[in-house]
PDB file of N, CA and C in Angstrom:
ATOM      1  N   MET A   1     -10.899 -24.219   4.604  1.00  0.00           N
ATOM      2  CA  MET A   1     -10.584 -23.087   5.392  1.00  0.00           C
ATOM      3  C   MET A   1     -10.110 -21.933   4.526  1.00  0.00           C
ATOM      4  N   LYS A   2     -10.645 -20.735   4.764  1.00  0.00           N
ATOM      5  CA  LYS A   2     -10.272 -19.593   3.957  1.00  0.00           C
ATOM      6  C   LYS A   2      -8.921 -19.046   4.377  1.00  0.00           C
ATOM      7  N   MET A   3      -8.083 -18.741   3.383  1.00  0.00           N
ATOM      8  CA  MET A   3      -6.762 -18.203   3.628  1.00  0.00           C
ATOM      9  C   MET A   3      -6.871 -16.793   4.227  1.00  0.00           C
ATOM     10  N   ALA A   4      -6.050 -16.485   5.173  1.00  0.00           N
ATOM     11  CA  ALA A   4      -6.014 -15.169   5.717  1.00  0.00           C
ATOM     12  C   ALA A   4      -5.114 -14.293   4.832  1.00  0.00           C
ATOM     13  N   HIS A   5      -5.666 -13.254   4.275  1.00  0.00           N
ATOM     14  CA  HIS A   5      -4.879 -12.281   3.491  1.00  0.00           C
ATOM     15  C   HIS A   5      -4.112 -11.422   4.527  1.00  0.00           C
ATOM     16  N   ARG A   6      -3.003 -10.836   4.065  1.00  0.00           N
ATOM     17  CA  ARG A   6      -2.156 -10.019   4.945  1.00  0.00           C
ATOM     18  C   ARG A   6      -1.851  -8.700   4.265  1.00  0.00           C
ATOM     19  N   MET A   7      -1.748  -7.675   5.077  1.00  0.00           N
ATOM     20  CA  MET A   7      -1.219  -6.389   4.593  1.00  0.00           C
ATOM     21  C   MET A   7       0.241  -6.472   4.626  1.00  0.00           C
ATOM     22  N   MET A   8       0.922  -5.886   3.582  1.00  0.00           N
ATOM     23  CA  MET A   8       2.376  -5.954   3.534  1.00  0.00           C
ATOM     24  C   MET A   8       3.024  -4.775   2.779  1.00  0.00           C
ATOM     25  N   LYS A   9       4.305  -4.551   3.031  1.00  0.00           N
ATOM     26  CA  LYS A   9       5.119  -3.695   2.266  1.00  0.00           C
ATOM     27  C   LYS A   9       5.927  -4.607   1.344  1.00  0.00           C
ATOM     28  N   TYR A  10       5.997  -4.236   0.042  1.00  0.00           N
ATOM     29  CA  TYR A  10       6.677  -5.059  -0.944  1.00  0.00           C
ATOM     30  C   TYR A  10       7.318  -4.202  -1.998  1.00  0.00           C
ATOM     31  N   ARG A  11       8.127  -4.828  -2.817  1.00  0.00           N
ATOM     32  CA  ARG A  11       8.745  -4.235  -3.999  1.00  0.00           C
ATOM     33  C   ARG A  11       8.455  -5.069  -5.246  1.00  0.00           C
ATOM     34  N   LEU A  12       8.695  -4.473  -6.376  1.00  0.00           N
ATOM     35  CA  LEU A  12       8.586  -5.286  -7.625  1.00  0.00           C
ATOM     36  C   LEU A  12       9.590  -6.382  -7.581  1.00  0.00           C
ATOM     37  N   ALA A  13       9.390  -7.434  -8.362  1.00  0.00           N
ATOM     38  CA  ALA A  13      10.313  -8.502  -8.526  1.00  0.00           C
ATOM     39  C   ALA A  13      11.593  -7.984  -9.189  1.00  0.00           C
ATOM     40  N   ALA A  14      12.655  -8.701  -9.105  1.00  0.00           N
ATOM     41  CA  ALA A  14      13.894  -8.247  -9.700  1.00  0.00           C
ATOM     42  C   ALA A  14      13.822  -8.005 -11.227  1.00  0.00           C
ATOM     43  N   ASP A  15      12.930  -8.710 -11.873  1.00  0.00           N
ATOM     44  CA  ASP A  15      12.770  -8.485 -13.324  1.00  0.00           C
ATOM     45  C   ASP A  15      11.748  -7.402 -13.654  1.00  0.00           C
ATOM     46  N   GLY A  16      11.241  -6.679 -12.574  1.00  0.00           N
ATOM     47  CA  GLY A  16      10.355  -5.570 -12.788  1.00  0.00           C
ATOM     48  C   GLY A  16       8.874  -5.920 -12.800  1.00  0.00           C
ATOM     49  N   THR A  17       8.569  -7.200 -12.635  1.00  0.00           N
ATOM     50  CA  THR A  17       7.139  -7.616 -12.662  1.00  0.00           C
ATOM     51  C   THR A  17       6.501  -7.455 -11.304  1.00  0.00           C
ATOM     52  N   VAL A  18       5.188  -7.427 -11.289  1.00  0.00           N
ATOM     53  CA  VAL A  18       4.392  -7.351 -10.104  1.00  0.00           C
ATOM     54  C   VAL A  18       4.440  -8.781  -9.412  1.00  0.00           C
ATOM     55  N   PRO A  19       4.743  -8.794  -8.119  1.00  0.00           N
ATOM     56  CA  PRO A  19       4.809 -10.110  -7.458  1.00  0.00           C
ATOM     57  C   PRO A  19       3.486 -10.872  -7.559  1.00  0.00           C
ATOM     58  N   THR A  20       3.565 -12.185  -7.739  1.00  0.00           N
ATOM     59  CA  THR A  20       2.375 -13.011  -7.896  1.00  0.00           C
ATOM     60  C   THR A  20       1.563 -13.175  -6.645  1.00  0.00           C
ATOM     61  N   PHE A  21       2.106 -12.815  -5.501  1.00  0.00           N
ATOM     62  CA  PHE A  21       1.390 -12.976  -4.210  1.00  0.00           C
ATOM     63  C   PHE A  21       0.383 -11.918  -3.972  1.00  0.00           C
ATOM     64  N   LEU A  22       0.347 -10.896  -4.801  1.00  0.00           N
ATOM     65  CA  LEU A  22      -0.563  -9.763  -4.561  1.00  0.00           C
ATOM     66  C   LEU A  22      -2.016 -10.078  -4.875  1.00  0.00           C
ATOM     67  N   CYS A  23      -2.918  -9.552  -4.115  1.00  0.00           N
ATOM     68  CA  CYS A  23      -4.325  -9.651  -4.306  1.00  0.00           C
ATOM     69  C   CYS A  23      -4.749  -8.446  -5.159  1.00  0.00           C
ATOM     70  N   LEU A  24      -4.872  -8.680  -6.452  1.00  0.00           N
ATOM     71  CA  LEU A  24      -5.114  -7.567  -7.369  1.00  0.00           C
ATOM     72  C   LEU A  24      -6.513  -7.603  -7.969  1.00  0.00           C
ATOM     73  N   HIS A  25      -7.412  -8.422  -7.481  1.00  0.00           N
ATOM     74  CA  HIS A  25      -8.763  -8.343  -8.023  1.00  0.00           C
ATOM     75  C   HIS A  25      -9.453  -7.146  -7.385  1.00  0.00           C
ATOM     76  N   ALA A  26     -10.662  -6.846  -7.753  1.00  0.00           N
ATOM     77  CA  ALA A  26     -11.322  -5.605  -7.371  1.00  0.00           C
ATOM     78  C   ALA A  26     -11.344  -5.334  -5.869  1.00  0.00           C
ATOM     79  N   GLU A  27     -11.359  -6.377  -5.072  1.00  0.00           N
ATOM     80  CA  GLU A  27     -11.427  -6.184  -3.620  1.00  0.00           C
ATOM     81  C   GLU A  27     -10.061  -5.985  -3.032  1.00  0.00           C
ATOM     82  N   GLY A  28      -9.028  -6.228  -3.742  1.00  0.00           N
ATOM     83  CA  GLY A  28      -7.634  -6.198  -3.206  1.00  0.00           C
ATOM     84  C   GLY A  28      -7.050  -4.821  -3.230  1.00  0.00           C
ATOM     85  N   VAL A  29      -5.777  -4.776  -2.865  1.00  0.00           N
ATOM     86  CA  VAL A  29      -5.004  -3.566  -2.783  1.00  0.00           C
ATOM     87  C   VAL A  29      -3.606  -3.917  -3.261  1.00  0.00           C
ATOM     88  N   GLY A  30      -3.026  -3.143  -4.149  1.00  0.00           N
ATOM     89  CA  GLY A  30      -1.630  -3.372  -4.554  1.00  0.00           C
ATOM     90  C   GLY A  30      -1.089  -2.082  -5.167  1.00  0.00           C
ATOM     91  N   GLY A  31       0.135  -1.804  -4.850  1.00  0.00           N
ATOM     92  CA  GLY A  31       0.843  -0.665  -5.407  1.00  0.00           C
ATOM     93  C   GLY A  31       0.399   0.658  -4.908  1.00  0.00           C
ATOM     94  N   VAL A  32      -0.002   0.765  -3.651  1.00  0.00           N
ATOM     95  CA  VAL A  32      -0.416   2.040  -3.083  1.00  0.00           C
ATOM     96  C   VAL A  32       0.591   2.530  -2.054  1.00  0.00           C
ATOM     97  N   PHE A  33       0.535   3.832  -1.754  1.00  0.00           N
ATOM     98  CA  PHE A  33       1.360   4.498  -0.758  1.00  0.00           C
ATOM     99  C   PHE A  33       2.847   4.228  -1.072  1.00  0.00           C
ATOM    100  N   VAL A  34       3.231   4.602  -2.291  1.00  0.00           N
ATOM    101  CA  VAL A  34       4.576   4.306  -2.809  1.00  0.00           C
ATOM    102  C   VAL A  34       5.606   5.201  -2.207  1.00  0.00           C
ATOM    103  N   VAL A  35       6.718   4.596  -1.756  1.00  0.00           N
ATOM    104  CA  VAL A  35       7.839   5.356  -1.180  1.00  0.00           C
ATOM    105  C   VAL A  35       9.115   4.946  -1.918  1.00  0.00           C
ATOM    106  N   GLY A  36       9.827   5.975  -2.389  1.00  0.00           N
ATOM    107  CA  GLY A  36      11.077   5.687  -3.130  1.00  0.00           C
ATOM    108  C   GLY A  36      12.197   5.326  -2.157  1.00  0.00           C
ATOM    109  N   ASP A  37      13.082   4.454  -2.634  1.00  0.00           N
ATOM    110  CA  ASP A  37      14.230   3.981  -1.884  1.00  0.00           C
ATOM    111  C   ASP A  37      15.465   4.148  -2.787  1.00  0.00           C
ATOM    112  N   PRO A  38      16.116   5.324  -2.742  1.00  0.00           N
ATOM    113  CA  PRO A  38      17.249   5.522  -3.641  1.00  0.00           C
ATOM    114  C   PRO A  38      18.472   4.671  -3.397  1.00  0.00           C
ATOM    115  N   SER A  39      18.458   3.990  -2.266  1.00  0.00           N
ATOM    116  CA  SER A  39      19.594   3.097  -1.959  1.00  0.00           C
ATOM    117  C   SER A  39      19.466   1.710  -2.671  1.00  0.00           C
ATOM    118  N   THR A  40      18.357   1.473  -3.313  1.00  0.00           N
ATOM    119  CA  THR A  40      18.100   0.186  -3.984  1.00  0.00           C
ATOM    120  C   THR A  40      17.978   0.424  -5.480  1.00  0.00           C
ATOM    121  N   PRO A  41      18.668  -0.358  -6.316  1.00  0.00           N
ATOM    122  CA  PRO A  41      18.533  -0.156  -7.771  1.00  0.00           C
ATOM    123  C   PRO A  41      17.173  -0.505  -8.290  1.00  0.00           C
ATOM    124  N   SER A  42      16.820   0.181  -9.377  1.00  0.00           N
ATOM    125  CA  SER A  42      15.586  -0.125 -10.085  1.00  0.00           C
ATOM    126  C   SER A  42      15.626  -1.517 -10.680  1.00  0.00           C
ATOM    127  N   PRO A  43      14.572  -2.191 -10.736  1.00  0.00           N
ATOM    128  CA  PRO A  43      13.188  -1.822 -10.552  1.00  0.00           C
ATOM    129  C   PRO A  43      12.686  -2.028  -9.119  1.00  0.00           C
ATOM    130  N   ARG A  44      13.586  -2.323  -8.165  1.00  0.00           N
ATOM    131  CA  ARG A  44      13.169  -2.631  -6.788  1.00  0.00           C
ATOM    132  C   ARG A  44      13.291  -1.386  -5.903  1.00  0.00           C
ATOM    133  N   ASP A  45      13.307  -0.217  -6.454  1.00  0.00           N
ATOM    134  CA  ASP A  45      13.593   0.997  -5.704  1.00  0.00           C
ATOM    135  C   ASP A  45      12.396   1.701  -5.160  1.00  0.00           C
ATOM    136  N   MET A  46      11.236   1.029  -5.215  1.00  0.00           N
ATOM    137  CA  MET A  46       9.980   1.567  -4.675  1.00  0.00           C
ATOM    138  C   MET A  46       9.387   0.583  -3.655  1.00  0.00           C
ATOM    139  N   VAL A  47       9.029   1.050  -2.504  1.00  0.00           N
ATOM    140  CA  VAL A  47       8.343   0.270  -1.532  1.00  0.00           C
ATOM    141  C   VAL A  47       6.865   0.624  -1.608  1.00  0.00           C
ATOM    142  N   MET A  48       5.998  -0.411  -1.737  1.00  0.00           N
ATOM    143  CA  MET A  48       4.568  -0.186  -1.888  1.00  0.00           C
ATOM    144  C   MET A  48       3.807  -0.999  -0.850  1.00  0.00           C
ATOM    145  N   VAL A  49       2.561  -0.655  -0.648  1.00  0.00           N
ATOM    146  CA  VAL A  49       1.695  -1.407   0.254  1.00  0.00           C
ATOM    147  C   VAL A  49       0.700  -2.148  -0.539  1.00  0.00           C
ATOM    148  N   GLY A  50       0.392  -3.379  -0.125  1.00  0.00           N
ATOM    149  CA  GLY A  50      -0.578  -4.177  -0.807  1.00  0.00           C
ATOM    150  C   GLY A  50      -1.071  -5.281   0.137  1.00  0.00           C
ATOM    151  N   ILE A  51      -2.038  -6.080  -0.393  1.00  0.00           N
ATOM    152  CA  ILE A  51      -2.597  -7.183   0.325  1.00  0.00           C
ATOM    153  C   ILE A  51      -2.200  -8.490  -0.391  1.00  0.00           C
ATOM    154  N   SER A  52      -1.837  -9.487   0.418  1.00  0.00           N
ATOM    155  CA  SER A  52      -1.384 -10.761  -0.171  1.00  0.00           C
ATOM    156  C   SER A  52      -2.619 -11.570  -0.633  1.00  0.00           C
ATOM    157  N   GLU A  53      -2.402 -12.367  -1.662  1.00  0.00           N
ATOM    158  CA  GLU A  53      -3.406 -13.366  -2.154  1.00  0.00           C
ATOM    159  C   GLU A  53      -2.972 -14.761  -1.747  1.00  0.00           C
ATOM    160  N   THR A  54      -1.652 -14.975  -1.501  1.00  0.00           N
ATOM    161  CA  THR A  54      -1.139 -16.277  -1.165  1.00  0.00           C
ATOM    162  C   THR A  54      -0.270 -16.128   0.084  1.00  0.00           C
ATOM    163  N   ASP A  55       0.100 -17.304   0.676  1.00  0.00           N
ATOM    164  CA  ASP A  55       0.942 -17.290   1.868  1.00  0.00           C
ATOM    165  C   ASP A  55       2.428 -17.088   1.480  1.00  0.00           C
ATOM    166  N   ASP A  56       2.799 -17.373   0.255  1.00  0.00           N
ATOM    167  CA  ASP A  56       4.204 -17.263  -0.171  1.00  0.00           C
ATOM    168  C   ASP A  56       4.480 -15.784  -0.581  1.00  0.00           C
ATOM    169  N   ILE A  57       4.976 -14.977   0.332  1.00  0.00           N
ATOM    170  CA  ILE A  57       5.155 -13.543   0.084  1.00  0.00           C
ATOM    171  C   ILE A  57       6.602 -13.127  -0.136  1.00  0.00           C
ATOM    172  N   GLY A  58       7.474 -14.133  -0.372  1.00  0.00           N
ATOM    173  CA  GLY A  58       8.846 -13.814  -0.698  1.00  0.00           C
ATOM    174  C   GLY A  58       9.525 -12.920   0.355  1.00  0.00           C
ATOM    175  N   ASP A  59      10.135 -11.814  -0.113  1.00  0.00           N
ATOM    176  CA  ASP A  59      10.862 -10.925   0.783  1.00  0.00           C
ATOM    177  C   ASP A  59       9.975  -9.753   1.252  1.00  0.00           C
ATOM    178  N   ALA A  60       8.672  -9.818   1.022  1.00  0.00           N
ATOM    179  CA  ALA A  60       7.782  -8.780   1.481  1.00  0.00           C
ATOM    180  C   ALA A  60       7.723  -8.769   3.006  1.00  0.00           C
ATOM    181  N   GLU A  61       7.400  -7.610   3.558  1.00  0.00           N
ATOM    182  CA  GLU A  61       7.317  -7.435   4.996  1.00  0.00           C
ATOM    183  C   GLU A  61       5.856  -7.280   5.390  1.00  0.00           C
ATOM    184  N   ALA A  62       5.361  -8.226   6.222  1.00  0.00           N
ATOM    185  CA  ALA A  62       3.989  -8.156   6.697  1.00  0.00           C
ATOM    186  C   ALA A  62       3.793  -6.978   7.630  1.00  0.00           C
ATOM    187  N   ILE A  63       2.662  -6.341   7.541  1.00  0.00           N
ATOM    188  CA  ILE A  63       2.257  -5.300   8.473  1.00  0.00           C
ATOM    189  C   ILE A  63       1.216  -5.940   9.385  1.00  0.00           C
ATOM    190  N   ALA A  64       1.573  -6.170  10.611  1.00  0.00           N
ATOM    191  CA  ALA A  64       0.814  -7.031  11.503  1.00  0.00           C
ATOM    192  C   ALA A  64      -0.543  -6.452  11.989  1.00  0.00           C
ATOM    193  N   THR A  65      -0.612  -5.159  12.209  1.00  0.00           N
ATOM    194  CA  THR A  65      -1.817  -4.564  12.766  1.00  0.00           C
ATOM    195  C   THR A  65      -2.203  -3.305  12.071  1.00  0.00           C
ATOM    196  N   LYS A  66      -3.491  -2.881  12.211  1.00  0.00           N
ATOM    197  CA  LYS A  66      -3.926  -1.628  11.672  1.00  0.00           C
ATOM    198  C   LYS A  66      -3.145  -0.478  12.293  1.00  0.00           C
ATOM    199  N   ALA A  67      -2.798  -0.598  13.549  1.00  0.00           N
ATOM    200  CA  ALA A  67      -1.974   0.449  14.197  1.00  0.00           C
ATOM    201  C   ALA A  67      -0.598   0.571  13.562  1.00  0.00           C
ATOM    202  N   ASP A  68      -0.009  -0.575  13.206  1.00  0.00           N
ATOM    203  CA  ASP A  68       1.268  -0.551  12.535  1.00  0.00           C
ATOM    204  C   ASP A  68       1.191   0.135  11.146  1.00  0.00           C
ATOM    205  N   LEU A  69       0.103  -0.109  10.410  1.00  0.00           N
ATOM    206  CA  LEU A  69      -0.074   0.551   9.142  1.00  0.00           C
ATOM    207  C   LEU A  69      -0.240   2.049   9.329  1.00  0.00           C
ATOM    208  N   LEU A  70      -1.041   2.439  10.306  1.00  0.00           N
ATOM    209  CA  LEU A  70      -1.227   3.850  10.585  1.00  0.00           C
ATOM    210  C   LEU A  70       0.085   4.531  10.970  1.00  0.00           C
ATOM    211  N   ALA A  71       0.903   3.880  11.806  1.00  0.00           N
ATOM    212  CA  ALA A  71       2.187   4.439  12.197  1.00  0.00           C
ATOM    213  C   ALA A  71       3.064   4.626  10.969  1.00  0.00           C
ATOM    214  N   TYR A  72       3.119   3.586  10.079  1.00  0.00           N
ATOM    215  CA  TYR A  72       3.971   3.680   8.907  1.00  0.00           C
ATOM    216  C   TYR A  72       3.495   4.819   8.021  1.00  0.00           C
ATOM    217  N   LEU A  73       2.205   4.890   7.705  1.00  0.00           N
ATOM    218  CA  LEU A  73       1.663   5.964   6.819  1.00  0.00           C
ATOM    219  C   LEU A  73       1.820   7.345   7.422  1.00  0.00           C
ATOM    220  N   THR A  74       1.715   7.468   8.743  1.00  0.00           N
ATOM    221  CA  THR A  74       1.911   8.752   9.390  1.00  0.00           C
ATOM    222  C   THR A  74       3.350   9.218   9.215  1.00  0.00           C
ATOM    223  N   THR A  75       4.254   8.280   9.271  1.00  0.00           N
ATOM    224  CA  THR A  75       5.689   8.641   9.129  1.00  0.00           C
ATOM    225  C   THR A  75       6.021   8.952   7.688  1.00  0.00           C
ATOM    226  N   VAL A  76       5.734   8.003   6.775  1.00  0.00           N
ATOM    227  CA  VAL A  76       6.159   8.245   5.357  1.00  0.00           C
ATOM    228  C   VAL A  76       5.320   9.252   4.646  1.00  0.00           C
ATOM    229  N   GLY A  77       4.062   9.443   5.111  1.00  0.00           N
ATOM    230  CA  GLY A  77       3.165  10.392   4.404  1.00  0.00           C
ATOM    231  C   GLY A  77       3.091  11.754   5.012  1.00  0.00           C
ATOM    232  N   ALA A  78       4.027  12.067   5.905  1.00  0.00           N
ATOM    233  CA  ALA A  78       3.959  13.361   6.611  1.00  0.00           C
ATOM    234  C   ALA A  78       3.919  14.560   5.676  1.00  0.00           C
ATOM    235  N   SER A  79       4.570  14.498   4.567  1.00  0.00           N
ATOM    236  CA  SER A  79       4.609  15.635   3.701  1.00  0.00           C
ATOM    237  C   SER A  79       3.793  15.418   2.390  1.00  0.00           C
ATOM    238  N   TRP A  80       3.065  14.334   2.314  1.00  0.00           N
ATOM    239  CA  TRP A  80       2.299  14.053   1.108  1.00  0.00           C
ATOM    240  C   TRP A  80       1.068  14.942   1.003  1.00  0.00           C
ATOM    241  N   THR A  81       0.690  15.208  -0.262  1.00  0.00           N
ATOM    242  CA  THR A  81      -0.565  15.902  -0.516  1.00  0.00           C
ATOM    243  C   THR A  81      -1.318  15.135  -1.612  1.00  0.00           C
ATOM    244  N   LEU A  82      -2.572  15.399  -1.721  1.00  0.00           N
ATOM    245  CA  LEU A  82      -3.464  14.787  -2.724  1.00  0.00           C
ATOM    246  C   LEU A  82      -4.186  15.891  -3.463  1.00  0.00           C
ATOM    247  N   PRO A  83      -4.661  15.600  -4.671  1.00  0.00           N
ATOM    248  CA  PRO A  83      -5.426  16.579  -5.375  1.00  0.00           C
ATOM    249  C   PRO A  83      -6.692  16.962  -4.595  1.00  0.00           C
ATOM    250  N   ASP A  84      -7.074  18.166  -4.613  1.00  0.00           N
ATOM    251  CA  ASP A  84      -8.249  18.667  -3.873  1.00  0.00           C
ATOM    252  C   ASP A  84      -9.476  18.295  -4.600  1.00  0.00           C
ATOM    253  N   PRO A  85     -10.320  17.382  -4.086  1.00  0.00           N
ATOM    254  CA  PRO A  85     -11.541  16.949  -4.811  1.00  0.00           C
ATOM    255  C   PRO A  85     -12.516  18.111  -4.970  1.00  0.00           C
ATOM    256  N   ALA A  86     -12.413  19.149  -4.191  1.00  0.00           N
ATOM    257  CA  ALA A  86     -13.316  20.319  -4.319  1.00  0.00           C
ATOM    258  C   ALA A  86     -12.923  21.207  -5.491  1.00  0.00           C
ATOM    259  N   GLN A  87     -11.709  20.958  -6.026  1.00  0.00           N
ATOM    260  CA  GLN A  87     -11.226  21.782  -7.175  1.00  0.00           C
ATOM    261  C   GLN A  87     -10.680  20.848  -8.238  1.00  0.00           C
ATOM    262  N   PRO A  88     -11.511  20.015  -8.834  1.00  0.00           N
ATOM    263  CA  PRO A  88     -11.020  19.017  -9.777  1.00  0.00           C
ATOM    264  C   PRO A  88     -10.353  19.571 -11.028  1.00  0.00           C
ATOM    265  N   ASN A  89     -10.613  20.790 -11.394  1.00  0.00           N
ATOM    266  CA  ASN A  89     -10.052  21.403 -12.554  1.00  0.00           C
ATOM    267  C   ASN A  89      -8.778  22.219 -12.294  1.00  0.00           C
ATOM    268  N   ASN A  90      -8.325  22.206 -11.078  1.00  0.00           N
ATOM    269  CA  ASN A  90      -7.141  22.964 -10.655  1.00  0.00           C
ATOM    270  C   ASN A  90      -6.056  21.973 -10.188  1.00  0.00           C
ATOM    271  N   PRO A  91      -5.131  21.644 -11.093  1.00  0.00           N
ATOM    272  CA  PRO A  91      -4.105  20.644 -10.723  1.00  0.00           C
ATOM    273  C   PRO A  91      -3.157  21.161  -9.631  1.00  0.00           C
ATOM    274  N   GLU A  92      -3.155  22.432  -9.358  1.00  0.00           N
ATOM    275  CA  GLU A  92      -2.295  23.015  -8.320  1.00  0.00           C
ATOM    276  C   GLU A  92      -2.924  22.884  -6.927  1.00  0.00           C
ATOM    277  N   ALA A  93      -4.229  22.666  -6.887  1.00  0.00           N
ATOM    278  CA  ALA A  93      -4.931  22.640  -5.570  1.00  0.00           C
ATOM    279  C   ALA A  93      -4.793  21.293  -4.913  1.00  0.00           C
ATOM    280  N   THR A  94      -4.266  21.278  -3.698  1.00  0.00           N
ATOM    281  CA  THR A  94      -4.016  19.964  -2.981  1.00  0.00           C
ATOM    282  C   THR A  94      -4.569  20.126  -1.537  1.00  0.00           C
ATOM    283  N   ILE A  95      -4.713  18.960  -0.988  1.00  0.00           N
ATOM    284  CA  ILE A  95      -5.067  18.826   0.437  1.00  0.00           C
ATOM    285  C   ILE A  95      -4.054  17.933   1.104  1.00  0.00           C
ATOM    286  N   PRO A  96      -3.839  18.002   2.386  1.00  0.00           N
ATOM    287  CA  PRO A  96      -2.904  17.084   3.055  1.00  0.00           C
ATOM    288  C   PRO A  96      -3.365  15.648   3.001  1.00  0.00           C
ATOM    289  N   PHE A  97      -2.405  14.758   2.883  1.00  0.00           N
ATOM    290  CA  PHE A  97      -2.643  13.327   2.955  1.00  0.00           C
ATOM    291  C   PHE A  97      -3.180  13.011   4.362  1.00  0.00           C
ATOM    292  N   ASN A  98      -4.198  12.181   4.451  1.00  0.00           N
ATOM    293  CA  ASN A  98      -4.775  11.795   5.746  1.00  0.00           C
ATOM    294  C   ASN A  98      -4.422  10.331   6.062  1.00  0.00           C
ATOM    295  N   PRO A  99      -3.390  10.088   6.833  1.00  0.00           N
ATOM    296  CA  PRO A  99      -2.983   8.699   7.118  1.00  0.00           C
ATOM    297  C   PRO A  99      -4.111   7.887   7.780  1.00  0.00           C
ATOM    298  N   SER A 100      -4.903   8.462   8.604  1.00  0.00           N
ATOM    299  CA  SER A 100      -5.974   7.742   9.282  1.00  0.00           C
ATOM    300  C   SER A 100      -7.037   7.284   8.287  1.00  0.00           C
ATOM    301  N   ALA A 101      -7.426   8.129   7.371  1.00  0.00           N
ATOM    302  CA  ALA A 101      -8.413   7.760   6.339  1.00  0.00           C
ATOM    303  C   ALA A 101      -7.819   6.715   5.402  1.00  0.00           C
ATOM    304  N   ALA A 102      -6.526   6.823   5.045  1.00  0.00           N
ATOM    305  CA  ALA A 102      -5.912   5.900   4.151  1.00  0.00           C
ATOM    306  C   ALA A 102      -5.794   4.523   4.828  1.00  0.00           C
ATOM    307  N   THR A 103      -5.466   4.512   6.115  1.00  0.00           N
ATOM    308  CA  THR A 103      -5.399   3.259   6.851  1.00  0.00           C
ATOM    309  C   THR A 103      -6.753   2.626   6.941  1.00  0.00           C
ATOM    310  N   ASP A 104      -7.819   3.396   7.244  1.00  0.00           N
ATOM    311  CA  ASP A 104      -9.138   2.863   7.327  1.00  0.00           C
ATOM    312  C   ASP A 104      -9.545   2.250   6.005  1.00  0.00           C
ATOM    313  N   TRP A 105      -9.209   2.896   4.923  1.00  0.00           N
ATOM    314  CA  TRP A 105      -9.617   2.359   3.593  1.00  0.00           C
ATOM    315  C   TRP A 105      -8.861   1.065   3.289  1.00  0.00           C
ATOM    316  N   ALA A 106      -7.587   1.013   3.471  1.00  0.00           N
ATOM    317  CA  ALA A 106      -6.808  -0.170   3.172  1.00  0.00           C
ATOM    318  C   ALA A 106      -7.163  -1.319   4.106  1.00  0.00           C
ATOM    319  N   TRP A 107      -7.211  -1.073   5.382  1.00  0.00           N
ATOM    320  CA  TRP A 107      -7.468  -2.131   6.384  1.00  0.00           C
ATOM    321  C   TRP A 107      -8.902  -2.633   6.214  1.00  0.00           C
ATOM    322  N   GLY A 108      -9.790  -1.725   5.859  1.00  0.00           N
ATOM    323  CA  GLY A 108     -11.172  -2.167   5.628  1.00  0.00           C
ATOM    324  C   GLY A 108     -11.287  -3.179   4.510  1.00  0.00           C
ATOM    325  N   ARG A 109     -10.470  -2.973   3.464  1.00  0.00           N
ATOM    326  CA  ARG A 109     -10.444  -3.951   2.360  1.00  0.00           C
ATOM    327  C   ARG A 109      -9.850  -5.262   2.847  1.00  0.00           C
ATOM    328  N   LEU A 110      -8.820  -5.220   3.665  1.00  0.00           N
ATOM    329  CA  LEU A 110      -8.250  -6.434   4.235  1.00  0.00           C
ATOM    330  C   LEU A 110      -9.284  -7.170   5.067  1.00  0.00           C
ATOM    331  N   ASP A 111      -9.977  -6.413   5.985  1.00  0.00           N
ATOM    332  CA  ASP A 111     -10.976  -7.063   6.805  1.00  0.00           C
ATOM    333  C   ASP A 111     -12.070  -7.711   5.975  1.00  0.00           C
ATOM    334  N   ALA A 112     -12.492  -7.078   4.890  1.00  0.00           N
ATOM    335  CA  ALA A 112     -13.527  -7.578   4.039  1.00  0.00           C
ATOM    336  C   ALA A 112     -13.081  -8.910   3.368  1.00  0.00           C
ATOM    337  N   LEU A 113     -11.829  -8.932   2.930  1.00  0.00           N
ATOM    338  CA  LEU A 113     -11.290 -10.155   2.334  1.00  0.00           C
ATOM    339  C   LEU A 113     -11.218 -11.276   3.271  1.00  0.00           C
ATOM    340  N   ASN A 114     -10.929 -10.969   4.526  1.00  0.00           N
ATOM    341  CA  ASN A 114     -10.743 -11.975   5.547  1.00  0.00           C
ATOM    342  C   ASN A 114     -12.049 -12.349   6.244  1.00  0.00           C
ATOM    343  N   ALA A 115     -13.141 -11.737   5.902  1.00  0.00           N
ATOM    344  CA  ALA A 115     -14.461 -12.014   6.530  1.00  0.00           C
ATOM    345  C   ALA A 115     -14.985 -13.378   6.143  1.00  0.00           C
TER     346      ALA A 115
END
């Protein structure tokens, strides 16, 4: 039986290493949509989104549904911008972050892994 991968919010391990439960091969996702948490000491002061490779996810928080991921990214990404792909030589040119497109991209990878 194929293991079901899960979308999750996670932090680095206490020693600063990437958690072993992450799915980091080409089809996976890890270390995206980073949000700082100044109330937590480094190296665990960043919350990231990724996909699990194993069932043992430690203190990571599973994101149960695509709607939950969209709600999270809509909230945390409200003021985010991205480089404008139409102006690749202008580092000042940005476009607004699109939580819906980001959710579709990440959840699509999860669905593909679980197919």
